[in-house]
Structures are given as C-alpha cells and as structure tokens.
Amino acid sequence: MARVKTGFTRRRRHKKVLALTKGQWGTRGRLFRRSNEAMLKSLWYSYRDRKARRRDMRRLWIVRINAGAHQHGLNYSRFMYGLKRANVELDRKVLADIAVRDAEGFARLAALSQQHQ
C-alpha cells in the first residue's frame, strides 16, 4: 500500500486549534501542544459552566422572589405554595423580574398567594 503523508491534514488541524486559542497568554496561543491542552480545558470549562450558570441564575431568582415575598409578610415557600394552589403558572425567572420591576403586580400576586394558603 502507498504511504500517506499527513501534511495537509495535520496543518489544517493545527491551524484550527491555534485559531481557537488565539489571544491566550504565552505559548497557550502559539504552540500546538500547549494550545491543544488549553483548548480541551477551555471546552470542558465552558461545558461545565453552562450548567453552573443555570444553577446560579435559579438561585438568584429565588433570592429575588424571597425578598419580594418578605415585603408582603410571606416567605418563599409559602408564596410559591400559594401560587401553585391558585394555578398561577409563572416560572421563577418571570416572578423574579416582576418582583424587581413591577412592585404592584407582585403585591397582587402575593395577595393571591395568601388567599390560597
């Protein structure tokens, strides 16, 4: 069988990796082996942190809803329980936005939650 040289294929792969790590410090953006390590690590971090961002945002929303509920004499769990009993199907993202931007709207939701305790 004929010998196959990897010149074009290897160069294309190296250029792709170096392009992904462009702008990184030192040899992490210049040398292929260090760039490849940096690229694999950064891709792993981005995968992990997409999930962490979802967790962090949910925690932030819960804190904001809890703060709004405390202004109306409720805690978070009682507020959410009352909304569930009242068949209010708003997610935490929307409830947190209402708590921050629309005080009277959140007051109406808190009153509705208290009625359905």
N, C-alpha and C. Protein backbone atom coordinates (compact mmCIF):
# COMPACT_ATOMS: atom_id res chain seq x y z
N MET A 1 0.84 -1.18 0.00
CA MET A 1 0.00 0.00 0.00
C MET A 1 0.89 1.25 0.00
N ALA A 2 0.42 2.27 -0.60
CA ALA A 2 1.19 3.51 -0.72
C ALA A 2 1.23 4.25 0.61
N ARG A 3 2.30 4.96 0.84
CA ARG A 3 2.49 5.75 2.05
C ARG A 3 1.68 7.04 1.93
N VAL A 4 1.00 7.40 3.01
CA VAL A 4 0.20 8.62 3.03
C VAL A 4 0.84 9.60 3.99
N LYS A 5 1.17 10.77 3.50
CA LYS A 5 1.73 11.81 4.34
C LYS A 5 0.60 12.67 4.92
N THR A 6 0.82 13.18 6.11
CA THR A 6 -0.26 13.90 6.79
C THR A 6 -0.12 15.41 6.69
N GLY A 7 0.68 15.90 5.78
CA GLY A 7 0.98 17.32 5.74
C GLY A 7 -0.23 18.23 5.75
N PHE A 8 -1.11 18.09 4.79
CA PHE A 8 -2.27 18.98 4.68
C PHE A 8 -3.22 18.78 5.85
N THR A 9 -3.50 17.53 6.18
CA THR A 9 -4.46 17.24 7.25
C THR A 9 -3.95 17.76 8.58
N ARG A 10 -2.68 17.52 8.87
CA ARG A 10 -2.11 17.97 10.13
C ARG A 10 -2.10 19.49 10.21
N ARG A 11 -1.71 20.14 9.15
CA ARG A 11 -1.66 21.60 9.14
C ARG A 11 -3.05 22.20 9.36
N ARG A 12 -4.05 21.61 8.72
CA ARG A 12 -5.42 22.10 8.88
C ARG A 12 -5.90 21.94 10.32
N ARG A 13 -5.58 20.79 10.93
CA ARG A 13 -5.99 20.55 12.32
C ARG A 13 -5.25 21.50 13.26
N HIS A 14 -3.95 21.69 13.04
CA HIS A 14 -3.19 22.59 13.89
C HIS A 14 -3.70 24.02 13.76
N LYS A 15 -4.00 24.46 12.55
CA LYS A 15 -4.50 25.83 12.36
C LYS A 15 -5.84 26.02 13.07
N LYS A 16 -6.68 25.00 13.04
CA LYS A 16 -7.98 25.09 13.70
C LYS A 16 -7.80 25.25 15.21
N VAL A 17 -6.92 24.47 15.81
CA VAL A 17 -6.67 24.55 17.24
C VAL A 17 -6.05 25.89 17.60
N LEU A 18 -5.08 26.34 16.82
CA LEU A 18 -4.42 27.61 17.10
C LEU A 18 -5.39 28.79 16.94
N ALA A 19 -6.32 28.66 16.03
CA ALA A 19 -7.33 29.72 15.86
C ALA A 19 -8.26 29.78 17.08
N LEU A 20 -8.58 28.62 17.64
CA LEU A 20 -9.46 28.59 18.81
C LEU A 20 -8.78 29.18 20.05
N THR A 21 -7.46 29.07 20.12
CA THR A 21 -6.76 29.57 21.31
C THR A 21 -6.06 30.90 21.05
N LYS A 22 -6.39 31.54 19.98
CA LYS A 22 -5.79 32.84 19.68
C LYS A 22 -6.15 33.83 20.78
N GLY A 23 -5.15 34.57 21.22
CA GLY A 23 -5.37 35.55 22.27
C GLY A 23 -5.06 35.04 23.66
N GLN A 24 -4.78 33.74 23.81
CA GLN A 24 -4.41 33.24 25.13
C GLN A 24 -2.97 33.60 25.43
N TRP A 25 -2.61 33.55 26.69
CA TRP A 25 -1.33 34.05 27.16
C TRP A 25 -0.20 33.08 26.81
N GLY A 26 0.90 33.62 26.37
CA GLY A 26 2.13 32.85 26.19
C GLY A 26 2.01 31.77 25.13
N THR A 27 2.57 30.60 25.46
CA THR A 27 2.60 29.51 24.47
C THR A 27 1.25 28.86 24.29
N ARG A 28 0.29 29.18 25.16
CA ARG A 28 -1.04 28.57 25.03
C ARG A 28 -1.73 29.00 23.74
N GLY A 29 -1.27 30.09 23.15
CA GLY A 29 -1.85 30.54 21.90
C GLY A 29 -0.91 30.42 20.72
N ARG A 30 0.31 29.88 20.97
CA ARG A 30 1.29 29.83 19.88
C ARG A 30 1.75 28.43 19.51
N LEU A 31 1.97 27.58 20.51
CA LEU A 31 2.49 26.24 20.26
C LEU A 31 1.34 25.24 20.23
N PHE A 32 1.38 24.32 19.29
CA PHE A 32 0.23 23.44 19.09
C PHE A 32 -0.07 22.60 20.32
N ARG A 33 0.95 21.98 20.90
CA ARG A 33 0.68 21.06 22.01
C ARG A 33 0.06 21.80 23.19
N ARG A 34 0.62 22.94 23.55
CA ARG A 34 0.06 23.73 24.66
C ARG A 34 -1.32 24.29 24.27
N SER A 35 -1.47 24.67 23.01
CA SER A 35 -2.76 25.18 22.56
C SER A 35 -3.82 24.10 22.61
N ASN A 36 -3.44 22.89 22.25
CA ASN A 36 -4.40 21.79 22.27
C ASN A 36 -4.85 21.51 23.70
N GLU A 37 -3.91 21.51 24.64
CA GLU A 37 -4.27 21.32 26.05
C GLU A 37 -5.20 22.43 26.52
N ALA A 38 -4.84 23.67 26.17
CA ALA A 38 -5.65 24.81 26.59
C ALA A 38 -7.05 24.76 25.97
N MET A 39 -7.13 24.34 24.70
CA MET A 39 -8.41 24.26 24.02
C MET A 39 -9.30 23.20 24.67
N LEU A 40 -8.73 22.02 24.96
CA LEU A 40 -9.53 20.96 25.58
C LEU A 40 -10.03 21.39 26.95
N LYS A 41 -9.16 22.06 27.71
CA LYS A 41 -9.56 22.52 29.03
C LYS A 41 -10.64 23.59 28.94
N SER A 42 -10.48 24.51 27.99
CA SER A 42 -11.46 25.59 27.89
C SER A 42 -12.82 25.06 27.42
N LEU A 43 -12.80 24.08 26.52
CA LEU A 43 -14.07 23.49 26.09
C LEU A 43 -14.75 22.76 27.25
N TRP A 44 -13.95 22.10 28.09
CA TRP A 44 -14.51 21.41 29.24
C TRP A 44 -15.08 22.41 30.23
N TYR A 45 -14.35 23.52 30.46
CA TYR A 45 -14.84 24.56 31.37
C TYR A 45 -16.15 25.16 30.85
N SER A 46 -16.23 25.41 29.55
CA SER A 46 -17.44 26.04 29.02
C SER A 46 -18.64 25.10 29.14
N TYR A 47 -18.41 23.81 28.95
CA TYR A 47 -19.50 22.83 29.12
C TYR A 47 -19.96 22.80 30.58
N ARG A 48 -18.99 22.76 31.49
CA ARG A 48 -19.32 22.70 32.92
C ARG A 48 -20.04 23.97 33.37
N ASP A 49 -19.53 25.11 32.91
CA ASP A 49 -20.06 26.38 33.41
C ASP A 49 -21.38 26.78 32.79
N ARG A 50 -21.75 26.18 31.66
CA ARG A 50 -23.11 26.41 31.16
C ARG A 50 -24.12 25.85 32.14
N LYS A 51 -23.81 24.70 32.73
CA LYS A 51 -24.70 24.12 33.73
C LYS A 51 -24.66 24.91 35.04
N ALA A 52 -23.46 25.37 35.41
CA ALA A 52 -23.34 26.16 36.64
C ALA A 52 -24.09 27.49 36.51
N ARG A 53 -24.08 28.08 35.31
CA ARG A 53 -24.80 29.34 35.10
C ARG A 53 -26.30 29.14 35.32
N ARG A 54 -26.83 28.01 34.88
CA ARG A 54 -28.26 27.75 35.10
C ARG A 54 -28.57 27.65 36.59
N ARG A 55 -27.69 26.96 37.33
CA ARG A 55 -27.87 26.85 38.78
C ARG A 55 -27.80 28.22 39.44
N ASP A 56 -26.81 29.03 39.05
CA ASP A 56 -26.62 30.34 39.66
C ASP A 56 -27.81 31.26 39.37
N MET A 57 -28.33 31.22 38.16
CA MET A 57 -29.46 32.08 37.81
C MET A 57 -30.70 31.67 38.60
N ARG A 58 -30.93 30.37 38.75
CA ARG A 58 -32.08 29.91 39.53
C ARG A 58 -31.96 30.38 40.98
N ARG A 59 -30.75 30.29 41.54
CA ARG A 59 -30.54 30.76 42.91
C ARG A 59 -30.81 32.25 43.02
N LEU A 60 -30.38 33.04 42.04
CA LEU A 60 -30.62 34.47 42.04
C LEU A 60 -32.11 34.77 41.98
N TRP A 61 -32.83 34.06 41.11
CA TRP A 61 -34.27 34.28 41.00
C TRP A 61 -34.97 33.97 42.32
N ILE A 62 -34.57 32.89 42.98
CA ILE A 62 -35.20 32.51 44.24
C ILE A 62 -34.93 33.58 45.30
N VAL A 63 -33.72 34.12 45.35
CA VAL A 63 -33.40 35.18 46.31
C VAL A 63 -34.27 36.40 46.06
N ARG A 64 -34.45 36.78 44.80
CA ARG A 64 -35.26 37.96 44.48
C ARG A 64 -36.73 37.74 44.82
N ILE A 65 -37.25 36.54 44.53
CA ILE A 65 -38.65 36.25 44.87
C ILE A 65 -38.83 36.25 46.37
N ASN A 66 -37.87 35.68 47.08
CA ASN A 66 -37.95 35.63 48.54
C ASN A 66 -37.94 37.04 49.13
N ALA A 67 -37.10 37.92 48.59
CA ALA A 67 -37.06 39.30 49.08
C ALA A 67 -38.39 39.99 48.84
N GLY A 68 -38.98 39.79 47.66
CA GLY A 68 -40.27 40.39 47.37
C GLY A 68 -41.37 39.82 48.24
N ALA A 69 -41.32 38.52 48.50
CA ALA A 69 -42.35 37.88 49.34
C ALA A 69 -42.24 38.37 50.78
N HIS A 70 -41.03 38.56 51.28
CA HIS A 70 -40.85 39.05 52.65
C HIS A 70 -41.42 40.44 52.83
N GLN A 71 -41.44 41.26 51.79
CA GLN A 71 -42.02 42.59 51.91
C GLN A 71 -43.53 42.52 52.12
N HIS A 72 -44.11 41.38 51.77
CA HIS A 72 -45.57 41.22 51.90
C HIS A 72 -45.92 40.19 52.98
N GLY A 73 -45.00 39.90 53.87
CA GLY A 73 -45.28 39.04 55.01
C GLY A 73 -45.30 37.56 54.70
N LEU A 74 -44.68 37.16 53.64
CA LEU A 74 -44.61 35.73 53.27
C LEU A 74 -43.15 35.33 53.14
N ASN A 75 -42.90 34.05 53.28
CA ASN A 75 -41.58 33.58 52.89
C ASN A 75 -41.70 32.91 51.52
N TYR A 76 -40.57 32.51 50.99
CA TYR A 76 -40.53 31.98 49.61
C TYR A 76 -41.41 30.75 49.45
N SER A 77 -41.28 29.81 50.38
CA SER A 77 -42.00 28.55 50.20
C SER A 77 -43.51 28.74 50.30
N ARG A 78 -43.95 29.58 51.24
CA ARG A 78 -45.39 29.87 51.36
C ARG A 78 -45.91 30.60 50.13
N PHE A 79 -45.12 31.53 49.63
CA PHE A 79 -45.51 32.29 48.43
C PHE A 79 -45.68 31.35 47.23
N MET A 80 -44.70 30.49 47.02
CA MET A 80 -44.76 29.56 45.88
C MET A 80 -45.89 28.55 46.05
N TYR A 81 -46.11 28.10 47.28
CA TYR A 81 -47.19 27.15 47.55
C TYR A 81 -48.54 27.78 47.24
N GLY A 82 -48.73 29.03 47.65
CA GLY A 82 -49.99 29.72 47.37
C GLY A 82 -50.21 29.92 45.88
N LEU A 83 -49.16 30.25 45.15
CA LEU A 83 -49.29 30.41 43.69
C LEU A 83 -49.63 29.09 43.03
N LYS A 84 -49.02 28.02 43.50
CA LYS A 84 -49.32 26.70 42.93
C LYS A 84 -50.76 26.32 43.18
N ARG A 85 -51.26 26.60 44.39
CA ARG A 85 -52.66 26.30 44.71
C ARG A 85 -53.61 27.19 43.90
N ALA A 86 -53.17 28.40 43.54
CA ALA A 86 -54.00 29.32 42.77
C ALA A 86 -53.88 29.08 41.26
N ASN A 87 -53.13 28.06 40.88
CA ASN A 87 -52.92 27.70 39.46
C ASN A 87 -52.27 28.83 38.66
N VAL A 88 -51.35 29.54 39.30
CA VAL A 88 -50.56 30.56 38.60
C VAL A 88 -49.32 29.87 38.05
N GLU A 89 -49.20 29.84 36.74
CA GLU A 89 -48.11 29.10 36.12
C GLU A 89 -47.05 30.05 35.57
N LEU A 90 -46.44 30.80 36.48
CA LEU A 90 -45.32 31.67 36.11
C LEU A 90 -44.04 31.03 36.65
N ASP A 91 -43.02 31.00 35.82
CA ASP A 91 -41.76 30.41 36.28
C ASP A 91 -40.98 31.41 37.13
N ARG A 92 -39.92 30.92 37.75
CA ARG A 92 -39.16 31.73 38.68
C ARG A 92 -38.49 32.93 38.00
N LYS A 93 -38.11 32.75 36.75
CA LYS A 93 -37.47 33.84 36.02
C LYS A 93 -38.43 35.02 35.88
N VAL A 94 -39.66 34.75 35.50
CA VAL A 94 -40.67 35.80 35.31
C VAL A 94 -41.06 36.40 36.66
N LEU A 95 -41.23 35.55 37.68
CA LEU A 95 -41.60 36.05 39.00
C LEU A 95 -40.52 36.98 39.56
N ALA A 96 -39.25 36.62 39.36
CA ALA A 96 -38.15 37.46 39.83
C ALA A 96 -38.15 38.79 39.10
N ASP A 97 -38.43 38.77 37.80
CA ASP A 97 -38.48 40.00 37.02
C ASP A 97 -39.62 40.89 37.50
N ILE A 98 -40.77 40.28 37.78
CA ILE A 98 -41.91 41.05 38.30
C ILE A 98 -41.57 41.64 39.66
N ALA A 99 -40.90 40.86 40.51
CA ALA A 99 -40.54 41.34 41.85
C ALA A 99 -39.62 42.55 41.78
N VAL A 100 -38.73 42.58 40.79
CA VAL A 100 -37.78 43.68 40.68
C VAL A 100 -38.40 44.89 39.99
N ARG A 101 -39.17 44.67 38.93
CA ARG A 101 -39.62 45.78 38.08
C ARG A 101 -41.04 46.28 38.34
N ASP A 102 -41.92 45.40 38.86
CA ASP A 102 -43.33 45.76 38.97
C ASP A 102 -43.81 45.46 40.39
N ALA A 103 -43.66 46.43 41.27
CA ALA A 103 -43.97 46.22 42.68
C ALA A 103 -45.46 45.95 42.91
N GLU A 104 -46.34 46.72 42.26
CA GLU A 104 -47.78 46.50 42.50
C GLU A 104 -48.27 45.19 41.89
N GLY A 105 -47.68 44.79 40.79
CA GLY A 105 -48.03 43.49 40.21
C GLY A 105 -47.62 42.35 41.13
N PHE A 106 -46.45 42.48 41.74
CA PHE A 106 -46.00 41.45 42.67
C PHE A 106 -46.86 41.47 43.93
N ALA A 107 -47.33 42.65 44.34
CA ALA A 107 -48.22 42.75 45.51
C ALA A 107 -49.52 42.00 45.24
N ARG A 108 -50.03 42.12 44.01
CA ARG A 108 -51.26 41.38 43.65
C ARG A 108 -51.02 39.87 43.68
N LEU A 109 -49.84 39.46 43.20
CA LEU A 109 -49.51 38.02 43.25
C LEU A 109 -49.39 37.54 44.68
N ALA A 110 -48.79 38.36 45.56
CA ALA A 110 -48.65 37.99 46.97
C ALA A 110 -50.02 37.88 47.63
N ALA A 111 -50.92 38.80 47.31
CA ALA A 111 -52.27 38.73 47.87
C ALA A 111 -52.99 37.48 47.38
N LEU A 112 -52.83 37.17 46.11
CA LEU A 112 -53.43 35.95 45.55
C LEU A 112 -52.86 34.71 46.23
N SER A 113 -51.57 34.73 46.49
CA SER A 113 -50.94 33.60 47.16
C SER A 113 -51.45 33.43 48.57
N GLN A 114 -51.66 34.55 49.27
CA GLN A 114 -52.16 34.49 50.65
C GLN A 114 -53.60 33.97 50.70
N GLN A 115 -54.40 34.30 49.69
CA GLN A 115 -55.79 33.82 49.65
C GLN A 115 -55.86 32.32 49.50
N HIS A 116 -54.91 31.73 48.81
CA HIS A 116 -54.96 30.30 48.52
C HIS A 116 -54.06 29.47 49.42
N GLN A 117 -53.74 29.98 50.61
CA GLN A 117 -52.91 29.21 51.54
C GLN A 117 -53.66 28.03 52.10
